[in-house]
Amino acid sequence: MNTRNFEELLGYDPKSFLNKIYALCDYETLEKKSLSLENFIQIAKKLDVKIVQYRDKISDYETKKSNLIFLKKNLNIPIIINDDISLIEYADGVHLGQEDLMEMKNEKLKFNNKELVFKFLRKKHPNKLFGLSTHNEREILEANKFDIDMIGLGAYRATTTKDVSTIIGEKLSYLAKISNHPVCAIGGVKVDDFIENVSFKVIGSSLYE
């Protein structure tokens, strides 16, 4: 884990605090709610958000690039891109799902295991942050061996913005204890939730409630 880089970007050890807000900036959700990136930035500042993940499944490359640059210019916190490694140059890091990692392993990078994928990514992008979604004990223990900075763990609850097959619920606090990396609780998490053993709460649609 590139702890030094993560600490420098945040200004503190991510494992030394609990339940800091990690905001999910889902561009499709913003459009559906007739909200702008400026509106999102105002909300992020009001809630003292510590990390932003930009998720965009509807825009073209240039729009995503422009939006990332805008977020970085107006928020003095780490900005992470969801899934799209091609945009990592314009962000502070990337968050990958298990499906993204398998795609890289099997098709793009031709590595025979997931650990080598992250070794390659770390070598290519030494100053970037890497996060990985996990959903169970096996995936957490596997992620403990990877050169990453954080894990997403969930889903805590059902969510309206993404289909989830596994709801962890209150078991999330127990599972978070076995992670070597800072844990970001994902999936239906609300601003006023407190989840033990979790460094960050990933807040999506409830940002706007």
N, C-alpha and C. Protein backbone atom coordinates (compact mmCIF):
# COMPACT_ATOMS: atom_id res chain seq x y z
N MET A 1 0.85 -1.20 0.00
CA MET A 1 0.00 0.00 0.00
C MET A 1 0.88 1.24 0.00
N ASN A 2 0.59 2.17 -0.87
CA ASN A 2 1.35 3.41 -0.96
C ASN A 2 0.85 4.40 0.09
N THR A 3 1.06 4.04 1.37
CA THR A 3 0.47 4.80 2.47
C THR A 3 0.92 6.25 2.47
N ARG A 4 2.20 6.47 2.18
CA ARG A 4 2.72 7.82 2.24
C ARG A 4 1.98 8.75 1.28
N ASN A 5 1.77 8.28 0.06
CA ASN A 5 1.06 9.09 -0.93
C ASN A 5 -0.37 9.36 -0.49
N PHE A 6 -1.04 8.37 0.04
CA PHE A 6 -2.42 8.51 0.50
C PHE A 6 -2.48 9.52 1.65
N GLU A 7 -1.58 9.40 2.59
CA GLU A 7 -1.55 10.32 3.72
C GLU A 7 -1.29 11.75 3.26
N GLU A 8 -0.38 11.91 2.30
CA GLU A 8 -0.06 13.25 1.80
C GLU A 8 -1.26 13.89 1.12
N LEU A 9 -2.01 13.10 0.35
CA LEU A 9 -3.17 13.63 -0.34
C LEU A 9 -4.29 14.00 0.63
N LEU A 10 -4.46 13.19 1.67
CA LEU A 10 -5.54 13.42 2.63
C LEU A 10 -5.15 14.42 3.71
N GLY A 11 -3.88 14.42 4.08
CA GLY A 11 -3.43 15.25 5.18
C GLY A 11 -3.46 14.53 6.51
N TYR A 12 -3.78 13.22 6.51
CA TYR A 12 -3.79 12.42 7.73
C TYR A 12 -3.77 10.94 7.35
N ASP A 13 -3.45 10.09 8.33
CA ASP A 13 -3.47 8.65 8.13
C ASP A 13 -4.92 8.20 7.96
N PRO A 14 -5.28 7.61 6.82
CA PRO A 14 -6.68 7.24 6.59
C PRO A 14 -7.23 6.22 7.59
N LYS A 15 -6.35 5.48 8.25
CA LYS A 15 -6.83 4.50 9.23
C LYS A 15 -6.99 5.09 10.63
N SER A 16 -6.60 6.36 10.78
CA SER A 16 -6.67 6.97 12.12
C SER A 16 -8.01 7.64 12.39
N PHE A 17 -8.88 7.70 11.41
CA PHE A 17 -10.19 8.32 11.58
C PHE A 17 -11.28 7.36 11.13
N LEU A 18 -12.47 7.59 11.59
CA LEU A 18 -13.61 6.75 11.24
C LEU A 18 -14.70 7.56 10.56
N ASN A 19 -15.33 6.95 9.56
CA ASN A 19 -16.56 7.47 8.96
C ASN A 19 -16.44 8.85 8.33
N LYS A 20 -15.28 9.15 7.74
CA LYS A 20 -15.17 10.35 6.93
C LYS A 20 -16.01 10.16 5.66
N ILE A 21 -16.47 11.26 5.09
CA ILE A 21 -17.36 11.15 3.93
C ILE A 21 -16.56 11.10 2.63
N TYR A 22 -16.85 10.09 1.84
CA TYR A 22 -16.27 9.83 0.53
C TYR A 22 -17.47 9.94 -0.43
N ALA A 23 -17.51 11.01 -1.20
CA ALA A 23 -18.71 11.29 -2.01
C ALA A 23 -18.62 10.66 -3.39
N LEU A 24 -19.69 10.02 -3.78
CA LEU A 24 -19.81 9.47 -5.13
C LEU A 24 -20.50 10.49 -6.02
N CYS A 25 -19.75 11.01 -6.97
CA CYS A 25 -20.31 11.98 -7.92
C CYS A 25 -20.73 11.21 -9.17
N ASP A 26 -21.99 10.76 -9.16
CA ASP A 26 -22.52 9.99 -10.28
C ASP A 26 -23.17 10.97 -11.27
N TYR A 27 -22.56 11.09 -12.44
CA TYR A 27 -22.98 12.13 -13.37
C TYR A 27 -24.40 11.92 -13.88
N GLU A 28 -24.80 10.69 -14.06
CA GLU A 28 -26.17 10.40 -14.51
C GLU A 28 -27.17 10.83 -13.45
N THR A 29 -26.85 10.58 -12.17
CA THR A 29 -27.72 11.00 -11.08
C THR A 29 -27.85 12.52 -11.04
N LEU A 30 -26.73 13.23 -11.23
CA LEU A 30 -26.78 14.69 -11.26
C LEU A 30 -27.72 15.18 -12.35
N GLU A 31 -27.62 14.59 -13.53
CA GLU A 31 -28.47 15.03 -14.64
C GLU A 31 -29.94 14.74 -14.36
N LYS A 32 -30.23 13.59 -13.78
CA LYS A 32 -31.62 13.24 -13.47
C LYS A 32 -32.22 14.19 -12.44
N LYS A 33 -31.38 14.70 -11.54
CA LYS A 33 -31.84 15.62 -10.51
C LYS A 33 -31.68 17.08 -10.92
N SER A 34 -31.27 17.30 -12.19
CA SER A 34 -31.04 18.66 -12.70
C SER A 34 -30.04 19.44 -11.84
N LEU A 35 -28.99 18.74 -11.43
CA LEU A 35 -27.93 19.35 -10.65
C LEU A 35 -26.67 19.47 -11.49
N SER A 36 -25.88 20.51 -11.24
CA SER A 36 -24.63 20.73 -11.97
C SER A 36 -23.45 20.26 -11.12
N LEU A 37 -22.27 20.23 -11.74
CA LEU A 37 -21.07 19.94 -10.97
C LEU A 37 -20.83 21.03 -9.92
N GLU A 38 -21.22 22.26 -10.23
CA GLU A 38 -21.09 23.34 -9.25
C GLU A 38 -21.95 23.05 -8.02
N ASN A 39 -23.18 22.53 -8.25
CA ASN A 39 -24.04 22.15 -7.13
C ASN A 39 -23.39 21.05 -6.30
N PHE A 40 -22.82 20.06 -6.99
CA PHE A 40 -22.16 18.96 -6.28
C PHE A 40 -21.00 19.49 -5.42
N ILE A 41 -20.21 20.38 -5.97
CA ILE A 41 -19.07 20.94 -5.25
C ILE A 41 -19.52 21.68 -4.00
N GLN A 42 -20.62 22.42 -4.10
CA GLN A 42 -21.15 23.13 -2.94
C GLN A 42 -21.55 22.14 -1.84
N ILE A 43 -22.20 21.05 -2.23
CA ILE A 43 -22.61 20.03 -1.27
C ILE A 43 -21.39 19.38 -0.64
N ALA A 44 -20.39 19.05 -1.47
CA ALA A 44 -19.17 18.40 -0.97
C ALA A 44 -18.45 19.26 0.06
N LYS A 45 -18.39 20.55 -0.20
CA LYS A 45 -17.73 21.46 0.75
C LYS A 45 -18.54 21.59 2.04
N LYS A 46 -19.85 21.65 1.91
CA LYS A 46 -20.71 21.78 3.09
C LYS A 46 -20.58 20.57 4.01
N LEU A 47 -20.45 19.38 3.42
CA LEU A 47 -20.37 18.14 4.20
C LEU A 47 -18.94 17.76 4.57
N ASP A 48 -17.98 18.59 4.22
CA ASP A 48 -16.56 18.33 4.52
C ASP A 48 -16.12 16.98 3.96
N VAL A 49 -16.45 16.76 2.70
CA VAL A 49 -16.09 15.52 2.00
C VAL A 49 -14.57 15.42 1.89
N LYS A 50 -14.03 14.20 2.09
CA LYS A 50 -12.59 13.99 2.08
C LYS A 50 -12.07 13.38 0.77
N ILE A 51 -12.92 12.65 0.06
CA ILE A 51 -12.56 12.03 -1.22
C ILE A 51 -13.79 12.08 -2.11
N VAL A 52 -13.56 12.24 -3.42
CA VAL A 52 -14.65 12.16 -4.39
C VAL A 52 -14.32 11.08 -5.41
N GLN A 53 -15.32 10.26 -5.71
CA GLN A 53 -15.20 9.31 -6.82
C GLN A 53 -16.16 9.76 -7.92
N TYR A 54 -15.59 10.01 -9.10
CA TYR A 54 -16.40 10.44 -10.24
C TYR A 54 -16.80 9.21 -11.06
N ARG A 55 -18.12 9.00 -11.16
CA ARG A 55 -18.67 7.86 -11.89
C ARG A 55 -19.52 8.38 -13.04
N ASP A 56 -19.20 7.94 -14.25
CA ASP A 56 -19.89 8.48 -15.42
C ASP A 56 -20.01 7.39 -16.49
N LYS A 57 -21.21 6.86 -16.65
CA LYS A 57 -21.46 5.80 -17.63
C LYS A 57 -22.16 6.31 -18.88
N ILE A 58 -22.34 7.65 -18.99
CA ILE A 58 -23.14 8.17 -20.11
C ILE A 58 -22.39 9.16 -20.99
N SER A 59 -21.29 9.73 -20.52
CA SER A 59 -20.61 10.79 -21.27
C SER A 59 -19.48 10.23 -22.14
N ASP A 60 -19.05 11.04 -23.11
CA ASP A 60 -17.91 10.65 -23.92
C ASP A 60 -16.61 10.98 -23.19
N TYR A 61 -15.50 10.55 -23.75
CA TYR A 61 -14.19 10.69 -23.11
C TYR A 61 -13.87 12.14 -22.79
N GLU A 62 -14.07 13.04 -23.74
CA GLU A 62 -13.71 14.44 -23.55
C GLU A 62 -14.54 15.10 -22.44
N THR A 63 -15.81 14.73 -22.35
CA THR A 63 -16.66 15.28 -21.28
C THR A 63 -16.19 14.78 -19.92
N LYS A 64 -15.88 13.50 -19.83
CA LYS A 64 -15.37 12.95 -18.58
C LYS A 64 -14.07 13.64 -18.18
N LYS A 65 -13.18 13.80 -19.13
CA LYS A 65 -11.90 14.46 -18.89
C LYS A 65 -12.12 15.89 -18.38
N SER A 66 -12.98 16.62 -19.06
CA SER A 66 -13.28 18.00 -18.67
C SER A 66 -13.86 18.07 -17.26
N ASN A 67 -14.77 17.15 -16.95
CA ASN A 67 -15.40 17.15 -15.63
C ASN A 67 -14.40 16.81 -14.52
N LEU A 68 -13.50 15.88 -14.80
CA LEU A 68 -12.47 15.54 -13.81
C LEU A 68 -11.57 16.74 -13.54
N ILE A 69 -11.15 17.41 -14.59
CA ILE A 69 -10.29 18.59 -14.44
C ILE A 69 -11.02 19.67 -13.64
N PHE A 70 -12.31 19.84 -13.90
CA PHE A 70 -13.10 20.84 -13.18
C PHE A 70 -13.19 20.50 -11.69
N LEU A 71 -13.43 19.23 -11.38
CA LEU A 71 -13.52 18.81 -9.98
C LEU A 71 -12.20 19.02 -9.26
N LYS A 72 -11.10 18.64 -9.92
CA LYS A 72 -9.78 18.80 -9.30
C LYS A 72 -9.45 20.28 -9.07
N LYS A 73 -9.87 21.12 -9.99
CA LYS A 73 -9.58 22.55 -9.87
C LYS A 73 -10.35 23.18 -8.72
N ASN A 74 -11.53 22.65 -8.43
CA ASN A 74 -12.42 23.30 -7.46
C ASN A 74 -12.54 22.59 -6.12
N LEU A 75 -11.92 21.43 -5.98
CA LEU A 75 -11.93 20.71 -4.71
C LEU A 75 -10.49 20.31 -4.36
N ASN A 76 -10.02 20.72 -3.24
CA ASN A 76 -8.66 20.42 -2.83
C ASN A 76 -8.59 19.11 -2.05
N ILE A 77 -9.12 18.05 -2.67
CA ILE A 77 -9.15 16.72 -2.08
C ILE A 77 -8.92 15.70 -3.20
N PRO A 78 -8.57 14.45 -2.86
CA PRO A 78 -8.37 13.44 -3.92
C PRO A 78 -9.63 13.20 -4.74
N ILE A 79 -9.46 13.16 -6.06
CA ILE A 79 -10.54 12.85 -6.99
C ILE A 79 -10.21 11.52 -7.66
N ILE A 80 -11.07 10.53 -7.47
CA ILE A 80 -10.86 9.19 -8.00
C ILE A 80 -11.82 8.95 -9.16
N ILE A 81 -11.33 8.32 -10.22
CA ILE A 81 -12.20 7.96 -11.34
C ILE A 81 -12.71 6.54 -11.14
N ASN A 82 -13.96 6.32 -11.43
CA ASN A 82 -14.55 4.98 -11.33
C ASN A 82 -14.29 4.19 -12.60
N ASP A 83 -13.63 3.06 -12.47
CA ASP A 83 -13.47 2.05 -13.54
C ASP A 83 -12.52 2.42 -14.67
N ASP A 84 -12.58 3.65 -15.17
CA ASP A 84 -11.94 3.98 -16.44
C ASP A 84 -10.47 4.35 -16.25
N ILE A 85 -9.58 3.36 -16.38
CA ILE A 85 -8.15 3.55 -16.18
C ILE A 85 -7.56 4.51 -17.21
N SER A 86 -8.22 4.68 -18.35
CA SER A 86 -7.70 5.57 -19.40
C SER A 86 -7.73 7.03 -18.98
N LEU A 87 -8.48 7.36 -17.91
CA LEU A 87 -8.61 8.74 -17.45
C LEU A 87 -7.79 9.02 -16.19
N ILE A 88 -6.95 8.07 -15.80
CA ILE A 88 -6.24 8.21 -14.53
C ILE A 88 -5.29 9.40 -14.53
N GLU A 89 -4.82 9.82 -15.69
CA GLU A 89 -3.93 10.98 -15.79
C GLU A 89 -4.58 12.25 -15.24
N TYR A 90 -5.91 12.32 -15.32
CA TYR A 90 -6.64 13.52 -14.92
C TYR A 90 -7.26 13.39 -13.54
N ALA A 91 -6.94 12.31 -12.84
CA ALA A 91 -7.48 12.06 -11.50
C ALA A 91 -6.33 11.69 -10.56
N ASP A 92 -6.66 11.54 -9.28
CA ASP A 92 -5.66 11.13 -8.30
C ASP A 92 -5.60 9.61 -8.16
N GLY A 93 -6.49 8.91 -8.83
CA GLY A 93 -6.47 7.47 -8.75
C GLY A 93 -7.69 6.87 -9.43
N VAL A 94 -7.83 5.56 -9.28
CA VAL A 94 -8.93 4.85 -9.92
C VAL A 94 -9.49 3.82 -8.95
N HIS A 95 -10.82 3.65 -8.98
CA HIS A 95 -11.46 2.59 -8.21
C HIS A 95 -11.98 1.53 -9.18
N LEU A 96 -11.59 0.29 -8.93
CA LEU A 96 -11.96 -0.81 -9.82
C LEU A 96 -12.90 -1.78 -9.11
N GLY A 97 -13.83 -2.34 -9.89
CA GLY A 97 -14.67 -3.41 -9.40
C GLY A 97 -14.01 -4.75 -9.68
N GLN A 98 -14.54 -5.80 -9.10
CA GLN A 98 -13.99 -7.14 -9.36
C GLN A 98 -14.08 -7.48 -10.84
N GLU A 99 -15.15 -7.04 -11.49
CA GLU A 99 -15.32 -7.33 -12.92
C GLU A 99 -14.26 -6.60 -13.75
N ASP A 100 -13.96 -5.35 -13.37
CA ASP A 100 -12.93 -4.59 -14.09
C ASP A 100 -11.58 -5.27 -13.96
N LEU A 101 -11.29 -5.76 -12.77
CA LEU A 101 -10.00 -6.41 -12.53
C LEU A 101 -9.88 -7.70 -13.34
N MET A 102 -10.94 -8.47 -13.43
CA MET A 102 -10.91 -9.70 -14.22
C MET A 102 -10.74 -9.40 -15.70
N GLU A 103 -11.37 -8.31 -16.17
CA GLU A 103 -11.22 -7.92 -17.56
C GLU A 103 -9.77 -7.56 -17.86
N MET A 104 -9.14 -6.81 -16.97
CA MET A 104 -7.73 -6.46 -17.16
C MET A 104 -6.86 -7.72 -17.14
N LYS A 105 -7.15 -8.59 -16.20
CA LYS A 105 -6.37 -9.82 -16.04
C LYS A 105 -6.45 -10.70 -17.28
N ASN A 106 -7.66 -10.86 -17.80
CA ASN A 106 -7.87 -11.85 -18.85
C ASN A 106 -7.70 -11.31 -20.27
N GLU A 107 -8.00 -10.01 -20.48
CA GLU A 107 -8.03 -9.51 -21.85
C GLU A 107 -7.00 -8.44 -22.13
N LYS A 108 -6.86 -7.47 -21.24
CA LYS A 108 -6.03 -6.31 -21.56
C LYS A 108 -4.56 -6.52 -21.20
N LEU A 109 -4.30 -6.95 -19.97
CA LEU A 109 -2.92 -7.02 -19.52
C LEU A 109 -2.33 -8.42 -19.64
N LYS A 110 -3.17 -9.42 -19.82
CA LYS A 110 -2.73 -10.79 -20.04
C LYS A 110 -1.94 -11.36 -18.86
N PHE A 111 -2.19 -10.86 -17.65
CA PHE A 111 -1.53 -11.41 -16.48
C PHE A 111 -2.32 -12.60 -15.96
N ASN A 112 -1.61 -13.53 -15.31
CA ASN A 112 -2.30 -14.74 -14.87
C ASN A 112 -2.86 -14.65 -13.46
N ASN A 113 -2.67 -13.51 -12.79
CA ASN A 113 -3.35 -13.33 -11.50
C ASN A 113 -3.57 -11.85 -11.21
N LYS A 114 -4.50 -11.58 -10.30
CA LYS A 114 -4.91 -10.21 -10.01
C LYS A 114 -3.79 -9.41 -9.34
N GLU A 115 -3.00 -10.07 -8.52
CA GLU A 115 -1.93 -9.37 -7.81
C GLU A 115 -0.96 -8.71 -8.80
N LEU A 116 -0.67 -9.40 -9.89
CA LEU A 116 0.24 -8.86 -10.90
C LEU A 116 -0.35 -7.65 -11.62
N VAL A 117 -1.68 -7.63 -11.75
CA VAL A 117 -2.33 -6.46 -12.36
C VAL A 117 -2.00 -5.21 -11.56
N PHE A 118 -2.14 -5.30 -10.23
CA PHE A 118 -1.86 -4.12 -9.41
C PHE A 118 -0.37 -3.80 -9.35
N LYS A 119 0.47 -4.80 -9.42
CA LYS A 119 1.91 -4.53 -9.48
C LYS A 119 2.25 -3.74 -10.74
N PHE A 120 1.62 -4.13 -11.84
CA PHE A 120 1.83 -3.42 -13.10
C PHE A 120 1.30 -1.99 -13.00
N LEU A 121 0.08 -1.83 -12.48
CA LEU A 121 -0.53 -0.50 -12.38
C LEU A 121 0.28 0.40 -11.46
N ARG A 122 0.78 -0.15 -10.34
CA ARG A 122 1.57 0.65 -9.41
C ARG A 122 2.88 1.09 -10.04
N LYS A 123 3.48 0.20 -10.81
CA LYS A 123 4.73 0.56 -11.47
C LYS A 123 4.50 1.64 -12.52
N LYS A 124 3.39 1.55 -13.23
CA LYS A 124 3.08 2.51 -14.29
C LYS A 124 2.60 3.84 -13.73
N HIS A 125 1.88 3.78 -12.60
CA HIS A 125 1.30 5.00 -11.99
C HIS A 125 1.67 5.03 -10.50
N PRO A 126 2.93 5.26 -10.17
CA PRO A 126 3.38 5.13 -8.77
C PRO A 126 2.76 6.13 -7.80
N ASN A 127 2.30 7.26 -8.29
CA ASN A 127 1.77 8.29 -7.40
C ASN A 127 0.25 8.36 -7.39
N LYS A 128 -0.40 7.37 -7.96
CA LYS A 128 -1.86 7.34 -8.00
C LYS A 128 -2.42 6.42 -6.91
N LEU A 129 -3.67 6.64 -6.55
CA LEU A 129 -4.37 5.81 -5.58
C LEU A 129 -5.15 4.71 -6.30
N PHE A 130 -5.20 3.55 -5.67
CA PHE A 130 -5.95 2.42 -6.25
C PHE A 130 -6.89 1.84 -5.21
N GLY A 131 -8.16 1.72 -5.60
CA GLY A 131 -9.16 1.11 -4.75
C GLY A 131 -9.80 -0.07 -5.46
N LEU A 132 -10.31 -1.02 -4.67
CA LEU A 132 -10.93 -2.22 -5.23
C LEU A 132 -12.19 -2.56 -4.45
N SER A 133 -13.27 -2.86 -5.16
CA SER A 133 -14.51 -3.28 -4.51
C SER A 133 -14.39 -4.71 -4.00
N THR A 134 -14.90 -4.95 -2.80
CA THR A 134 -14.95 -6.30 -2.23
C THR A 134 -16.34 -6.52 -1.64
N HIS A 135 -16.70 -7.79 -1.51
CA HIS A 135 -18.07 -8.10 -1.08
C HIS A 135 -18.15 -9.20 -0.02
N ASN A 136 -17.02 -9.84 0.26
CA ASN A 136 -17.03 -10.97 1.20
C ASN A 136 -15.64 -11.19 1.77
N GLU A 137 -15.54 -12.12 2.71
CA GLU A 137 -14.27 -12.38 3.38
C GLU A 137 -13.19 -12.84 2.41
N ARG A 138 -13.52 -13.69 1.48
CA ARG A 138 -12.53 -14.19 0.52
C ARG A 138 -11.91 -13.06 -0.28
N GLU A 139 -12.75 -12.16 -0.78
CA GLU A 139 -12.24 -11.04 -1.58
C GLU A 139 -11.40 -10.07 -0.74
N ILE A 140 -11.77 -9.88 0.52
CA ILE A 140 -10.99 -9.01 1.40
C ILE A 140 -9.61 -9.61 1.65
N LEU A 141 -9.56 -10.88 1.98
CA LEU A 141 -8.28 -11.54 2.23
C LEU A 141 -7.41 -11.54 0.98
N GLU A 142 -8.02 -11.70 -0.16
CA GLU A 142 -7.29 -11.63 -1.42
C GLU A 142 -6.73 -10.23 -1.62
N ALA A 143 -7.56 -9.22 -1.35
CA ALA A 143 -7.13 -7.82 -1.52
C ALA A 143 -6.02 -7.44 -0.56
N ASN A 144 -5.92 -8.12 0.59
CA ASN A 144 -4.85 -7.84 1.54
C ASN A 144 -3.47 -8.02 0.93
N LYS A 145 -3.38 -8.85 -0.09
CA LYS A 145 -2.09 -9.12 -0.75
C LYS A 145 -1.77 -8.12 -1.85
N PHE A 146 -2.75 -7.29 -2.22
CA PHE A 146 -2.57 -6.40 -3.36
C PHE A 146 -1.95 -5.06 -2.94
N ASP A 147 -1.20 -4.47 -3.84
CA ASP A 147 -0.60 -3.16 -3.60
C ASP A 147 -1.63 -2.08 -3.96
N ILE A 148 -2.60 -1.93 -3.06
CA ILE A 148 -3.67 -0.95 -3.26
C ILE A 148 -3.75 -0.05 -2.03
N ASP A 149 -4.56 0.99 -2.09
CA ASP A 149 -4.63 1.98 -1.02
C ASP A 149 -5.88 1.85 -0.16
N MET A 150 -6.93 1.23 -0.70
CA MET A 150 -8.19 1.13 0.04
C MET A 150 -9.05 0.07 -0.62
N ILE A 151 -10.05 -0.41 0.13
CA ILE A 151 -11.06 -1.28 -0.47
C ILE A 151 -12.43 -0.65 -0.27
N GLY A 152 -13.31 -0.88 -1.23
CA GLY A 152 -14.72 -0.63 -1.03
C GLY A 152 -15.33 -1.92 -0.53
N LEU A 153 -16.23 -1.85 0.43
CA LEU A 153 -16.84 -3.06 1.00
C LEU A 153 -18.34 -2.86 1.10
N GLY A 154 -19.09 -3.78 0.50
CA GLY A 154 -20.54 -3.67 0.55
C GLY A 154 -21.21 -4.69 -0.35
N ALA A 155 -22.47 -4.56 -0.51
CA ALA A 155 -23.26 -3.37 -0.23
C ALA A 155 -23.81 -3.39 1.21
N TYR A 156 -23.79 -2.20 1.82
CA TYR A 156 -24.32 -2.06 3.16
C TYR A 156 -25.83 -2.19 3.16
N ARG A 157 -26.46 -1.52 2.18
CA ARG A 157 -27.90 -1.62 1.96
C ARG A 157 -28.15 -1.73 0.46
N ALA A 158 -29.40 -1.98 0.11
CA ALA A 158 -29.80 -1.90 -1.30
C ALA A 158 -29.71 -0.45 -1.74
N THR A 159 -29.42 -0.23 -3.02
CA THR A 159 -29.29 1.11 -3.55
C THR A 159 -30.08 1.26 -4.84
N THR A 160 -30.53 2.47 -5.10
CA THR A 160 -31.33 2.72 -6.30
C THR A 160 -30.46 3.03 -7.52
N THR A 161 -29.15 3.30 -7.30
CA THR A 161 -28.29 3.72 -8.42
C THR A 161 -27.52 2.57 -9.04
N LYS A 162 -27.51 1.42 -8.40
CA LYS A 162 -26.74 0.30 -8.94
C LYS A 162 -27.34 -1.01 -8.45
N ASP A 163 -27.45 -1.99 -9.35
CA ASP A 163 -27.95 -3.30 -8.97
C ASP A 163 -26.89 -4.02 -8.15
N VAL A 164 -27.27 -4.55 -6.99
CA VAL A 164 -26.33 -5.29 -6.16
C VAL A 164 -26.93 -6.65 -5.83
N SER A 165 -26.07 -7.65 -5.81
CA SER A 165 -26.53 -9.01 -5.55
C SER A 165 -26.28 -9.43 -4.11
N THR A 166 -25.38 -8.73 -3.42
CA THR A 166 -25.03 -9.09 -2.05
C THR A 166 -25.21 -7.91 -1.12
N ILE A 167 -26.07 -8.08 -0.12
CA ILE A 167 -26.26 -7.06 0.91
C ILE A 167 -25.59 -7.57 2.19
N ILE A 168 -24.58 -6.85 2.67
CA ILE A 168 -23.82 -7.28 3.84
C ILE A 168 -24.49 -6.83 5.13
N GLY A 169 -25.05 -5.62 5.12
CA GLY A 169 -25.71 -5.11 6.31
C GLY A 169 -24.75 -4.92 7.47
N GLU A 170 -25.21 -5.25 8.68
CA GLU A 170 -24.42 -5.02 9.89
C GLU A 170 -23.16 -5.87 9.94
N LYS A 171 -23.06 -6.90 9.11
CA LYS A 171 -21.86 -7.73 9.07
C LYS A 171 -20.66 -6.95 8.53
N LEU A 172 -20.93 -5.81 7.90
CA LEU A 172 -19.85 -5.03 7.30
C LEU A 172 -18.80 -4.62 8.34
N SER A 173 -19.22 -4.24 9.53
CA SER A 173 -18.28 -3.82 10.58
C SER A 173 -17.32 -4.95 10.94
N TYR A 174 -17.85 -6.16 11.04
CA TYR A 174 -17.00 -7.32 11.36
C TYR A 174 -16.02 -7.59 10.23
N LEU A 175 -16.50 -7.59 8.99
CA LEU A 175 -15.64 -7.88 7.86
C LEU A 175 -14.55 -6.82 7.70
N ALA A 176 -14.87 -5.56 8.02
CA ALA A 176 -13.89 -4.48 7.86
C ALA A 176 -12.66 -4.71 8.72
N LYS A 177 -12.81 -5.43 9.85
CA LYS A 177 -11.69 -5.64 10.76
C LYS A 177 -10.60 -6.52 10.15
N ILE A 178 -10.92 -7.32 9.16
CA ILE A 178 -9.91 -8.23 8.60
C ILE A 178 -9.15 -7.62 7.43
N SER A 179 -9.49 -6.38 7.08
CA SER A 179 -8.80 -5.73 5.97
C SER A 179 -7.50 -5.06 6.43
N ASN A 180 -6.43 -5.24 5.66
CA ASN A 180 -5.18 -4.53 5.91
C ASN A 180 -5.22 -3.10 5.40
N HIS A 181 -6.19 -2.82 4.54
CA HIS A 181 -6.32 -1.52 3.91
C HIS A 181 -7.47 -0.73 4.54
N PRO A 182 -7.44 0.60 4.46
CA PRO A 182 -8.60 1.38 4.89
C PRO A 182 -9.85 0.93 4.15
N VAL A 183 -10.96 0.88 4.87
CA VAL A 183 -12.22 0.37 4.32
C VAL A 183 -13.18 1.51 4.04
N CYS A 184 -13.77 1.46 2.84
CA CYS A 184 -14.79 2.42 2.43
C CYS A 184 -16.11 1.67 2.31
N ALA A 185 -17.06 1.95 3.17
CA ALA A 185 -18.36 1.28 3.13
C ALA A 185 -19.16 1.79 1.94
N ILE A 186 -19.67 0.87 1.13
CA ILE A 186 -20.39 1.25 -0.09
C ILE A 186 -21.78 0.62 -0.12
N GLY A 187 -22.66 1.27 -0.89
CA GLY A 187 -23.98 0.70 -1.14
C GLY A 187 -25.05 1.15 -0.16
N GLY A 188 -25.81 2.17 -0.53
CA GLY A 188 -26.93 2.60 0.29
C GLY A 188 -26.55 3.27 1.60
N VAL A 189 -25.31 3.71 1.71
CA VAL A 189 -24.85 4.35 2.95
C VAL A 189 -25.40 5.78 3.01
N LYS A 190 -25.83 6.19 4.20
CA LYS A 190 -26.40 7.52 4.39
C LYS A 190 -25.44 8.41 5.19
N VAL A 191 -25.61 9.71 5.05
CA VAL A 191 -24.71 10.67 5.68
C VAL A 191 -24.65 10.48 7.19
N ASP A 192 -25.80 10.18 7.82
CA ASP A 192 -25.82 10.09 9.29
C ASP A 192 -25.54 8.69 9.82
N ASP A 193 -25.17 7.73 8.95
CA ASP A 193 -24.79 6.39 9.41
C ASP A 193 -23.45 6.45 10.14
N PHE A 194 -23.29 5.58 11.15
CA PHE A 194 -21.98 5.36 11.75
C PHE A 194 -21.72 3.86 11.70
N ILE A 195 -20.62 3.49 11.04
CA ILE A 195 -20.29 2.08 10.84
C ILE A 195 -18.92 1.81 11.45
N GLU A 196 -18.85 0.96 12.44
CA GLU A 196 -17.59 0.69 13.13
C GLU A 196 -16.56 0.08 12.18
N ASN A 197 -15.29 0.42 12.44
CA ASN A 197 -14.13 -0.12 11.71
C ASN A 197 -14.02 0.37 10.27
N VAL A 198 -14.78 1.39 9.94
CA VAL A 198 -14.79 1.92 8.57
C VAL A 198 -14.15 3.31 8.54
N SER A 199 -13.18 3.49 7.64
CA SER A 199 -12.52 4.80 7.52
C SER A 199 -13.39 5.80 6.77
N PHE A 200 -14.08 5.32 5.73
CA PHE A 200 -14.87 6.22 4.89
C PHE A 200 -16.26 5.65 4.62
N LYS A 201 -17.23 6.54 4.59
CA LYS A 201 -18.59 6.20 4.15
C LYS A 201 -18.74 6.72 2.72
N VAL A 202 -19.00 5.84 1.78
CA VAL A 202 -19.21 6.27 0.40
C VAL A 202 -20.68 6.64 0.23
N ILE A 203 -20.92 7.94 0.07
CA ILE A 203 -22.29 8.45 0.02
C ILE A 203 -22.64 8.81 -1.41
N GLY A 204 -23.74 8.25 -1.89
CA GLY A 204 -24.20 8.52 -3.24
C GLY A 204 -25.42 9.40 -3.25
N SER A 205 -26.57 8.83 -3.54
CA SER A 205 -27.79 9.62 -3.72
C SER A 205 -28.23 10.34 -2.44
N SER A 206 -27.86 9.82 -1.26
CA SER A 206 -28.29 10.48 -0.03
C SER A 206 -27.56 11.81 0.20
N LEU A 207 -26.57 12.13 -0.62
CA LEU A 207 -25.94 13.45 -0.56
C LEU A 207 -26.97 14.55 -0.80
N TYR A 208 -28.02 14.22 -1.57
CA TYR A 208 -28.95 15.23 -2.03
C TYR A 208 -30.26 15.23 -1.25
N GLU A 209 -30.33 14.44 -0.18
CA GLU A 209 -31.56 14.36 0.59
C GLU A 209 -31.67 15.53 1.58
